[in-house]
Amino acid sequence: MTMAKNNNRSEQNSLRNEQNNSSNRFSNEQNNSSNRFSNEQNNSSNRFSNEQNNSSNRFSNEQNSSSNNNQKSSQAKKNRNELSD
């Protein structure tokens, strides 16, 4: 009788373990899927942000370059005027 009880208990434990393993696999698959989606969203958002920053930086650099060229031109005119005086 004791051996039969132990076998039954062992079978129940095995069944519980299989159910837990199945549940854990499903949960892991759900988490992995959710994480992949979240990562894709973050990557997309980061790419967009980087593109915006790059565009803004290019514009700022162009403005600075234009301003520097204007300053050089003004200084050159000033220097020519001083030489002609």
PDB file of N, CA and C in Angstrom:
ATOM      1  N   MET A   1       0.831  -1.200   0.000  1.00  0.00           N
ATOM      2  CA  MET A   1       0.000   0.000   0.000  1.00  0.00           C
ATOM      3  C   MET A   1       0.867   1.252   0.000  1.00  0.00           C
ATOM      4  N   THR A   2       1.917   1.240   0.806  1.00  0.00           N
ATOM      5  CA  THR A   2       2.786   2.408   0.874  1.00  0.00           C
ATOM      6  C   THR A   2       3.463   2.659  -0.461  1.00  0.00           C
ATOM      7  N   MET A   3       3.883   1.600  -1.135  1.00  0.00           N
ATOM      8  CA  MET A   3       4.536   1.741  -2.427  1.00  0.00           C
ATOM      9  C   MET A   3       3.573   2.342  -3.450  1.00  0.00           C
ATOM     10  N   ALA A   4       2.335   1.927  -3.419  1.00  0.00           N
ATOM     11  CA  ALA A   4       1.331   2.470  -4.340  1.00  0.00           C
ATOM     12  C   ALA A   4       1.107   3.946  -4.062  1.00  0.00           C
ATOM     13  N   LYS A   5       1.067   4.318  -2.773  1.00  0.00           N
ATOM     14  CA  LYS A   5       0.896   5.735  -2.415  1.00  0.00           C
ATOM     15  C   LYS A   5       2.084   6.553  -2.913  1.00  0.00           C
ATOM     16  N   ASN A   6       3.275   6.016  -2.713  1.00  0.00           N
ATOM     17  CA  ASN A   6       4.472   6.740  -3.159  1.00  0.00           C
ATOM     18  C   ASN A   6       4.488   6.902  -4.675  1.00  0.00           C
ATOM     19  N   ASN A   7       4.097   5.846  -5.388  1.00  0.00           N
ATOM     20  CA  ASN A   7       4.050   5.932  -6.851  1.00  0.00           C
ATOM     21  C   ASN A   7       3.029   6.973  -7.297  1.00  0.00           C
ATOM     22  N   ASN A   8       1.885   6.986  -6.627  1.00  0.00           N
ATOM     23  CA  ASN A   8       0.840   7.950  -6.960  1.00  0.00           C
ATOM     24  C   ASN A   8       1.329   9.371  -6.687  1.00  0.00           C
ATOM     25  N   ARG A   9       1.981   9.550  -5.543  1.00  0.00           N
ATOM     26  CA  ARG A   9       2.507  10.869  -5.187  1.00  0.00           C
ATOM     27  C   ARG A   9       3.560  11.300  -6.209  1.00  0.00           C
ATOM     28  N   SER A  10       4.399  10.373  -6.606  1.00  0.00           N
ATOM     29  CA  SER A  10       5.438  10.669  -7.591  1.00  0.00           C
ATOM     30  C   SER A  10       4.821  11.065  -8.929  1.00  0.00           C
ATOM     31  N   GLU A  11       3.767  10.363  -9.334  1.00  0.00           N
ATOM     32  CA  GLU A  11       3.089  10.705 -10.588  1.00  0.00           C
ATOM     33  C   GLU A  11       2.446  12.086 -10.509  1.00  0.00           C
ATOM     34  N   GLN A  12       1.860  12.384  -9.348  1.00  0.00           N
ATOM     35  CA  GLN A  12       1.241  13.706  -9.173  1.00  0.00           C
ATOM     36  C   GLN A  12       2.302  14.805  -9.224  1.00  0.00           C
ATOM     37  N   ASN A  13       3.435  14.543  -8.589  1.00  0.00           N
ATOM     38  CA  ASN A  13       4.524  15.530  -8.625  1.00  0.00           C
ATOM     39  C   ASN A  13       5.037  15.726 -10.050  1.00  0.00           C
ATOM     40  N   SER A  14       5.161  14.622 -10.777  1.00  0.00           N
ATOM     41  CA  SER A  14       5.621  14.723 -12.167  1.00  0.00           C
ATOM     42  C   SER A  14       4.639  15.532 -12.999  1.00  0.00           C
ATOM     43  N   LEU A  15       3.353  15.285 -12.790  1.00  0.00           N
ATOM     44  CA  LEU A  15       2.331  16.021 -13.532  1.00  0.00           C
ATOM     45  C   LEU A  15       2.391  17.511 -13.192  1.00  0.00           C
ATOM     46  N   ARG A  16       2.523  17.819 -11.898  1.00  0.00           N
ATOM     47  CA  ARG A  16       2.630  19.219 -11.483  1.00  0.00           C
ATOM     48  C   ARG A  16       3.856  19.880 -12.110  1.00  0.00           C
ATOM     49  N   ASN A  17       4.965  19.158 -12.117  1.00  0.00           N
ATOM     50  CA  ASN A  17       6.185  19.711 -12.717  1.00  0.00           C
ATOM     51  C   ASN A  17       6.004  19.985 -14.202  1.00  0.00           C
ATOM     52  N   GLU A  18       5.354  19.071 -14.900  1.00  0.00           N
ATOM     53  CA  GLU A  18       5.105  19.279 -16.329  1.00  0.00           C
ATOM     54  C   GLU A  18       4.210  20.492 -16.554  1.00  0.00           C
ATOM     55  N   GLN A  19       3.194  20.638 -15.707  1.00  0.00           N
ATOM     56  CA  GLN A  19       2.293  21.791 -15.842  1.00  0.00           C
ATOM     57  C   GLN A  19       3.039  23.089 -15.550  1.00  0.00           C
ATOM     58  N   ASN A  20       3.869  23.057 -14.505  1.00  0.00           N
ATOM     59  CA  ASN A  20       4.650  24.258 -14.181  1.00  0.00           C
ATOM     60  C   ASN A  20       5.627  24.595 -15.302  1.00  0.00           C
ATOM     61  N   ASN A  21       6.267  23.574 -15.843  1.00  0.00           N
ATOM     62  CA  ASN A  21       7.203  23.817 -16.942  1.00  0.00           C
ATOM     63  C   ASN A  21       6.493  24.406 -18.147  1.00  0.00           C
ATOM     64  N   SER A  22       5.326  23.873 -18.452  1.00  0.00           N
ATOM     65  CA  SER A  22       4.556  24.378 -19.585  1.00  0.00           C
ATOM     66  C   SER A  22       4.147  25.829 -19.340  1.00  0.00           C
ATOM     67  N   SER A  23       3.687  26.086 -18.123  1.00  0.00           N
ATOM     68  CA  SER A  23       3.280  27.449 -17.771  1.00  0.00           C
ATOM     69  C   SER A  23       4.467  28.404 -17.843  1.00  0.00           C
ATOM     70  N   ASN A  24       5.616  27.949 -17.348  1.00  0.00           N
ATOM     71  CA  ASN A  24       6.811  28.801 -17.384  1.00  0.00           C
ATOM     72  C   ASN A  24       7.274  29.066 -18.813  1.00  0.00           C
ATOM     73  N   ARG A  25       7.201  28.036 -19.655  1.00  0.00           N
ATOM     74  CA  ARG A  25       7.585  28.241 -21.061  1.00  0.00           C
ATOM     75  C   ARG A  25       6.675  29.270 -21.721  1.00  0.00           C
ATOM     76  N   PHE A  26       5.383  29.142 -21.466  1.00  0.00           N
ATOM     77  CA  PHE A  26       4.434  30.096 -22.053  1.00  0.00           C
ATOM     78  C   PHE A  26       4.726  31.513 -21.554  1.00  0.00           C
ATOM     79  N   SER A  27       4.935  31.638 -20.246  1.00  0.00           N
ATOM     80  CA  SER A  27       5.231  32.949 -19.667  1.00  0.00           C
ATOM     81  C   SER A  27       6.518  33.529 -20.252  1.00  0.00           C
ATOM     82  N   ASN A  28       7.521  32.681 -20.401  1.00  0.00           N
ATOM     83  CA  ASN A  28       8.783  33.154 -20.980  1.00  0.00           C
ATOM     84  C   ASN A  28       8.604  33.611 -22.422  1.00  0.00           C
ATOM     85  N   GLU A  29       7.813  32.870 -23.182  1.00  0.00           N
ATOM     86  CA  GLU A  29       7.559  33.263 -24.570  1.00  0.00           C
ATOM     87  C   GLU A  29       6.823  34.600 -24.633  1.00  0.00           C
ATOM     88  N   GLN A  30       5.863  34.788 -23.728  1.00  0.00           N
ATOM     89  CA  GLN A  30       5.128  36.056 -23.691  1.00  0.00           C
ATOM     90  C   GLN A  30       6.075  37.202 -23.330  1.00  0.00           C
ATOM     91  N   ASN A  31       6.911  36.960 -22.326  1.00  0.00           N
ATOM     92  CA  ASN A  31       7.857  38.006 -21.915  1.00  0.00           C
ATOM     93  C   ASN A  31       8.847  38.327 -23.028  1.00  0.00           C
ATOM     94  N   ASN A  32       9.333  37.287 -23.689  1.00  0.00           N
ATOM     95  CA  ASN A  32      10.277  37.518 -24.784  1.00  0.00           C
ATOM     96  C   ASN A  32       9.635  38.311 -25.911  1.00  0.00           C
ATOM     97  N   SER A  33       8.403  37.965 -26.229  1.00  0.00           N
ATOM     98  CA  SER A  33       7.694  38.678 -27.285  1.00  0.00           C
ATOM     99  C   SER A  33       7.484  40.138 -26.894  1.00  0.00           C
ATOM    100  N   SER A  34       7.080  40.342 -25.647  1.00  0.00           N
ATOM    101  CA  SER A  34       6.858  41.703 -25.155  1.00  0.00           C
ATOM    102  C   SER A  34       8.159  42.500 -25.158  1.00  0.00           C
ATOM    103  N   ASN A  35       9.242  41.848 -24.745  1.00  0.00           N
ATOM    104  CA  ASN A  35      10.536  42.538 -24.725  1.00  0.00           C
ATOM    105  C   ASN A  35      11.014  42.884 -26.132  1.00  0.00           C
ATOM    106  N   ARG A  36      10.799  41.959 -27.072  1.00  0.00           N
ATOM    107  CA  ARG A  36      11.188  42.256 -28.459  1.00  0.00           C
ATOM    108  C   ARG A  36      10.414  43.459 -28.991  1.00  0.00           C
ATOM    109  N   PHE A  37       9.114  43.484 -28.718  1.00  0.00           N
ATOM    110  CA  PHE A  37       8.295  44.608 -29.184  1.00  0.00           C
ATOM    111  C   PHE A  37       8.775  45.912 -28.553  1.00  0.00           C
ATOM    112  N   SER A  38       9.009  45.878 -27.239  1.00  0.00           N
ATOM    113  CA  SER A  38       9.474  47.074 -26.537  1.00  0.00           C
ATOM    114  C   SER A  38      10.819  47.543 -27.085  1.00  0.00           C
ATOM    115  N   ASN A  39      11.707  46.588 -27.341  1.00  0.00           N
ATOM    116  CA  ASN A  39      13.014  46.954 -27.894  1.00  0.00           C
ATOM    117  C   ASN A  39      12.885  47.574 -29.275  1.00  0.00           C
ATOM    118  N   GLU A  40      11.998  47.026 -30.085  1.00  0.00           N
ATOM    119  CA  GLU A  40      11.789  47.586 -31.425  1.00  0.00           C
ATOM    120  C   GLU A  40      11.232  49.005 -31.338  1.00  0.00           C
ATOM    121  N   GLN A  41      10.302  49.212 -30.403  1.00  0.00           N
ATOM    122  CA  GLN A  41       9.737  50.553 -30.231  1.00  0.00           C
ATOM    123  C   GLN A  41      10.823  51.530 -29.772  1.00  0.00           C
ATOM    124  N   ASN A  42      11.628  51.089 -28.806  1.00  0.00           N
ATOM    125  CA  ASN A  42      12.701  51.961 -28.311  1.00  0.00           C
ATOM    126  C   ASN A  42      13.720  52.265 -29.398  1.00  0.00           C
ATOM    127  N   ASN A  43      14.065  51.249 -30.175  1.00  0.00           N
ATOM    128  CA  ASN A  43      15.030  51.468 -31.252  1.00  0.00           C
ATOM    129  C   ASN A  43      14.489  52.448 -32.279  1.00  0.00           C
ATOM    130  N   SER A  44      13.218  52.292 -32.608  1.00  0.00           N
ATOM    131  CA  SER A  44      12.601  53.194 -33.576  1.00  0.00           C
ATOM    132  C   SER A  44      12.582  54.622 -33.035  1.00  0.00           C
ATOM    133  N   SER A  45      12.219  54.746 -31.769  1.00  0.00           N
ATOM    134  CA  SER A  45      12.173  56.069 -31.138  1.00  0.00           C
ATOM    135  C   SER A  45      13.566  56.693 -31.085  1.00  0.00           C
ATOM    136  N   ASN A  46      14.560  55.869 -30.757  1.00  0.00           N
ATOM    137  CA  ASN A  46      15.932  56.384 -30.692  1.00  0.00           C
ATOM    138  C   ASN A  46      16.438  56.806 -32.065  1.00  0.00           C
ATOM    139  N   ARG A  47      16.099  56.016 -33.090  1.00  0.00           N
ATOM    140  CA  ARG A  47      16.519  56.403 -34.447  1.00  0.00           C
ATOM    141  C   ARG A  47      15.901  57.740 -34.839  1.00  0.00           C
ATOM    142  N   PHE A  48      14.611  57.901 -34.532  1.00  0.00           N
ATOM    143  CA  PHE A  48      13.938  59.158 -34.871  1.00  0.00           C
ATOM    144  C   PHE A  48      14.592  60.322 -34.127  1.00  0.00           C
ATOM    145  N   SER A  49      14.838  60.130 -32.830  1.00  0.00           N
ATOM    146  CA  SER A  49      15.458  61.182 -32.024  1.00  0.00           C
ATOM    147  C   SER A  49      16.848  61.528 -32.554  1.00  0.00           C
ATOM    148  N   ASN A  50      17.607  60.497 -32.916  1.00  0.00           N
ATOM    149  CA  ASN A  50      18.945  60.746 -33.462  1.00  0.00           C
ATOM    150  C   ASN A  50      18.883  61.514 -34.776  1.00  0.00           C
ATOM    151  N   GLU A  51      17.920  61.173 -35.612  1.00  0.00           N
ATOM    152  CA  GLU A  51      17.772  61.885 -36.886  1.00  0.00           C
ATOM    153  C   GLU A  51      17.404  63.347 -36.646  1.00  0.00           C
ATOM    154  N   GLN A  52      16.522  63.573 -35.669  1.00  0.00           N
ATOM    155  CA  GLN A  52      16.139  64.951 -35.346  1.00  0.00           C
ATOM    156  C   GLN A  52      17.345  65.732 -34.824  1.00  0.00           C
ATOM    157  N   ASN A  53      18.107  65.093 -33.932  1.00  0.00           N
ATOM    158  CA  ASN A  53      19.290  65.763 -33.381  1.00  0.00           C
ATOM    159  C   ASN A  53      20.326  66.041 -34.462  1.00  0.00           C
ATOM    160  N   ASN A  54      20.527  65.074 -35.349  1.00  0.00           N
ATOM    161  CA  ASN A  54      21.495  65.273 -36.427  1.00  0.00           C
ATOM    162  C   ASN A  54      21.072  66.414 -37.336  1.00  0.00           C
ATOM    163  N   SER A  55      19.790  66.462 -37.641  1.00  0.00           N
ATOM    164  CA  SER A  55      19.277  67.528 -38.496  1.00  0.00           C
ATOM    165  C   SER A  55      19.455  68.888 -37.819  1.00  0.00           C
ATOM    166  N   SER A  56      19.136  68.926 -36.531  1.00  0.00           N
ATOM    167  CA  SER A  56      19.281  70.170 -35.774  1.00  0.00           C
ATOM    168  C   SER A  56      20.745  70.600 -35.706  1.00  0.00           C
ATOM    169  N   ASN A  57      21.629  69.621 -35.494  1.00  0.00           N
ATOM    170  CA  ASN A  57      23.056  69.944 -35.424  1.00  0.00           C
ATOM    171  C   ASN A  57      23.586  70.436 -36.766  1.00  0.00           C
ATOM    172  N   ARG A  58      23.129  69.820 -37.860  1.00  0.00           N
ATOM    173  CA  ARG A  58      23.567  70.281 -39.186  1.00  0.00           C
ATOM    174  C   ARG A  58      23.125  71.723 -39.419  1.00  0.00           C
ATOM    175  N   PHE A  59      21.879  72.015 -39.054  1.00  0.00           N
ATOM    176  CA  PHE A  59      21.369  73.376 -39.234  1.00  0.00           C
ATOM    177  C   PHE A  59      22.186  74.365 -38.400  1.00  0.00           C
ATOM    178  N   SER A  60      22.448  73.998 -37.140  1.00  0.00           N
ATOM    179  CA  SER A  60      23.223  74.870 -36.257  1.00  0.00           C
ATOM    180  C   SER A  60      24.632  75.085 -36.805  1.00  0.00           C
ATOM    181  N   ASN A  61      25.230  74.012 -37.310  1.00  0.00           N
ATOM    182  CA  ASN A  61      26.575  74.144 -37.884  1.00  0.00           C
ATOM    183  C   ASN A  61      26.580  75.060 -39.098  1.00  0.00           C
ATOM    184  N   GLU A  62      25.549  74.950 -39.928  1.00  0.00           N
ATOM    185  CA  GLU A  62      25.455  75.817 -41.103  1.00  0.00           C
ATOM    186  C   GLU A  62      25.282  77.277 -40.683  1.00  0.00           C
ATOM    187  N   GLN A  63      24.474  77.493 -39.652  1.00  0.00           N
ATOM    188  CA  GLN A  63      24.270  78.859 -39.162  1.00  0.00           C
ATOM    189  C   GLN A  63      25.582  79.424 -38.611  1.00  0.00           C
ATOM    190  N   ASN A  64      26.295  78.601 -37.846  1.00  0.00           N
ATOM    191  CA  ASN A  64      27.571  79.057 -37.280  1.00  0.00           C
ATOM    192  C   ASN A  64      28.590  79.342 -38.375  1.00  0.00           C
ATOM    193  N   SER A  65      28.622  78.491 -39.378  1.00  0.00           N
ATOM    194  CA  SER A  65      29.557  78.683 -40.486  1.00  0.00           C
ATOM    195  C   SER A  65      29.240  79.974 -41.228  1.00  0.00           C
ATOM    196  N   SER A  66      27.958  80.211 -41.465  1.00  0.00           N
ATOM    197  CA  SER A  66      27.539  81.432 -42.155  1.00  0.00           C
ATOM    198  C   SER A  66      27.909  82.664 -41.333  1.00  0.00           C
ATOM    199  N   SER A  67      27.670  82.577 -40.027  1.00  0.00           N
ATOM    200  CA  SER A  67      28.004  83.696 -39.141  1.00  0.00           C
ATOM    201  C   SER A  67      29.510  83.951 -39.134  1.00  0.00           C
ATOM    202  N   ASN A  68      30.288  82.870 -39.089  1.00  0.00           N
ATOM    203  CA  ASN A  68      31.748  83.022 -39.104  1.00  0.00           C
ATOM    204  C   ASN A  68      32.225  83.652 -40.404  1.00  0.00           C
ATOM    205  N   ASN A  69      31.626  83.246 -41.518  1.00  0.00           N
ATOM    206  CA  ASN A  69      32.002  83.822 -42.813  1.00  0.00           C
ATOM    207  C   ASN A  69      31.662  85.305 -42.864  1.00  0.00           C
ATOM    208  N   ASN A  70      30.518  85.681 -42.308  1.00  0.00           N
ATOM    209  CA  ASN A  70      30.132  87.096 -42.275  1.00  0.00           C
ATOM    210  C   ASN A  70      31.104  87.903 -41.425  1.00  0.00           C
ATOM    211  N   GLN A  71      31.518  87.331 -40.300  1.00  0.00           N
ATOM    212  CA  GLN A  71      32.470  88.029 -39.434  1.00  0.00           C
ATOM    213  C   GLN A  71      33.815  88.212 -40.141  1.00  0.00           C
ATOM    214  N   LYS A  72      34.252  87.165 -40.854  1.00  0.00           N
ATOM    215  CA  LYS A  72      35.520  87.260 -41.584  1.00  0.00           C
ATOM    216  C   LYS A  72      35.426  88.329 -42.670  1.00  0.00           C
ATOM    217  N   SER A  73      34.283  88.353 -43.361  1.00  0.00           N
ATOM    218  CA  SER A  73      34.092  89.333 -44.424  1.00  0.00           C
ATOM    219  C   SER A  73      34.099  90.748 -43.852  1.00  0.00           C
ATOM    220  N   SER A  74      33.425  90.927 -42.725  1.00  0.00           N
ATOM    221  CA  SER A  74      33.389  92.250 -42.088  1.00  0.00           C
ATOM    222  C   SER A  74      34.779  92.666 -41.637  1.00  0.00           C
ATOM    223  N   GLN A  75      35.532  91.724 -41.081  1.00  0.00           N
ATOM    224  CA  GLN A  75      36.885  92.032 -40.613  1.00  0.00           C
ATOM    225  C   GLN A  75      37.788  92.383 -41.795  1.00  0.00           C
ATOM    226  N   ALA A  76      37.610  91.668 -42.909  1.00  0.00           N
ATOM    227  CA  ALA A  76      38.424  91.956 -44.093  1.00  0.00           C
ATOM    228  C   ALA A  76      38.117  93.356 -44.617  1.00  0.00           C
ATOM    229  N   LYS A  77      36.842  93.731 -44.640  1.00  0.00           N
ATOM    230  CA  LYS A  77      36.464  95.077 -45.089  1.00  0.00           C
ATOM    231  C   LYS A  77      37.061  96.128 -44.162  1.00  0.00           C
ATOM    232  N   LYS A  78      36.988  95.855 -42.875  1.00  0.00           N
ATOM    233  CA  LYS A  78      37.530  96.794 -41.885  1.00  0.00           C
ATOM    234  C   LYS A  78      39.035  96.955 -42.095  1.00  0.00           C
ATOM    235  N   ASN A  79      39.705  95.829 -42.315  1.00  0.00           N
ATOM    236  CA  ASN A  79      41.153  95.885 -42.536  1.00  0.00           C
ATOM    237  C   ASN A  79      41.485  96.674 -43.796  1.00  0.00           C
ATOM    238  N   ARG A  80      40.710  96.481 -44.871  1.00  0.00           N
ATOM    239  CA  ARG A  80      40.956  97.215 -46.115  1.00  0.00           C
ATOM    240  C   ARG A  80      40.728  98.710 -45.907  1.00  0.00           C
ATOM    241  N   ASN A  81      39.681  99.047 -45.165  1.00  0.00           N
ATOM    242  CA  ASN A  81      39.388 100.454 -44.909  1.00  0.00           C
ATOM    243  C   ASN A  81      40.504 101.102 -44.104  1.00  0.00           C
ATOM    244  N   GLU A  82      41.044 100.350 -43.129  1.00  0.00           N
ATOM    245  CA  GLU A  82      42.130 100.899 -42.316  1.00  0.00           C
ATOM    246  C   GLU A  82      43.382 101.101 -43.161  1.00  0.00           C
ATOM    247  N   LEU A  83      43.629 100.189 -44.107  1.00  0.00           N
ATOM    248  CA  LEU A  83      44.796 100.322 -44.977  1.00  0.00           C
ATOM    249  C   LEU A  83      44.647 101.515 -45.914  1.00  0.00           C
ATOM    250  N   SER A  84      43.423 101.776 -46.373  1.00  0.00           N
ATOM    251  CA  SER A  84      43.224 102.866 -47.326  1.00  0.00           C
ATOM    252  C   SER A  84      43.258 104.224 -46.637  1.00  0.00           C
ATOM    253  N   ASP A  85      43.064 104.228 -45.312  1.00  0.00           N
ATOM    254  CA  ASP A  85      43.084 105.509 -44.576  1.00  0.00           C
ATOM    255  C   ASP A  85      44.464 105.970 -44.409  1.00  0.00           C
TER     256      ASP A  85
END
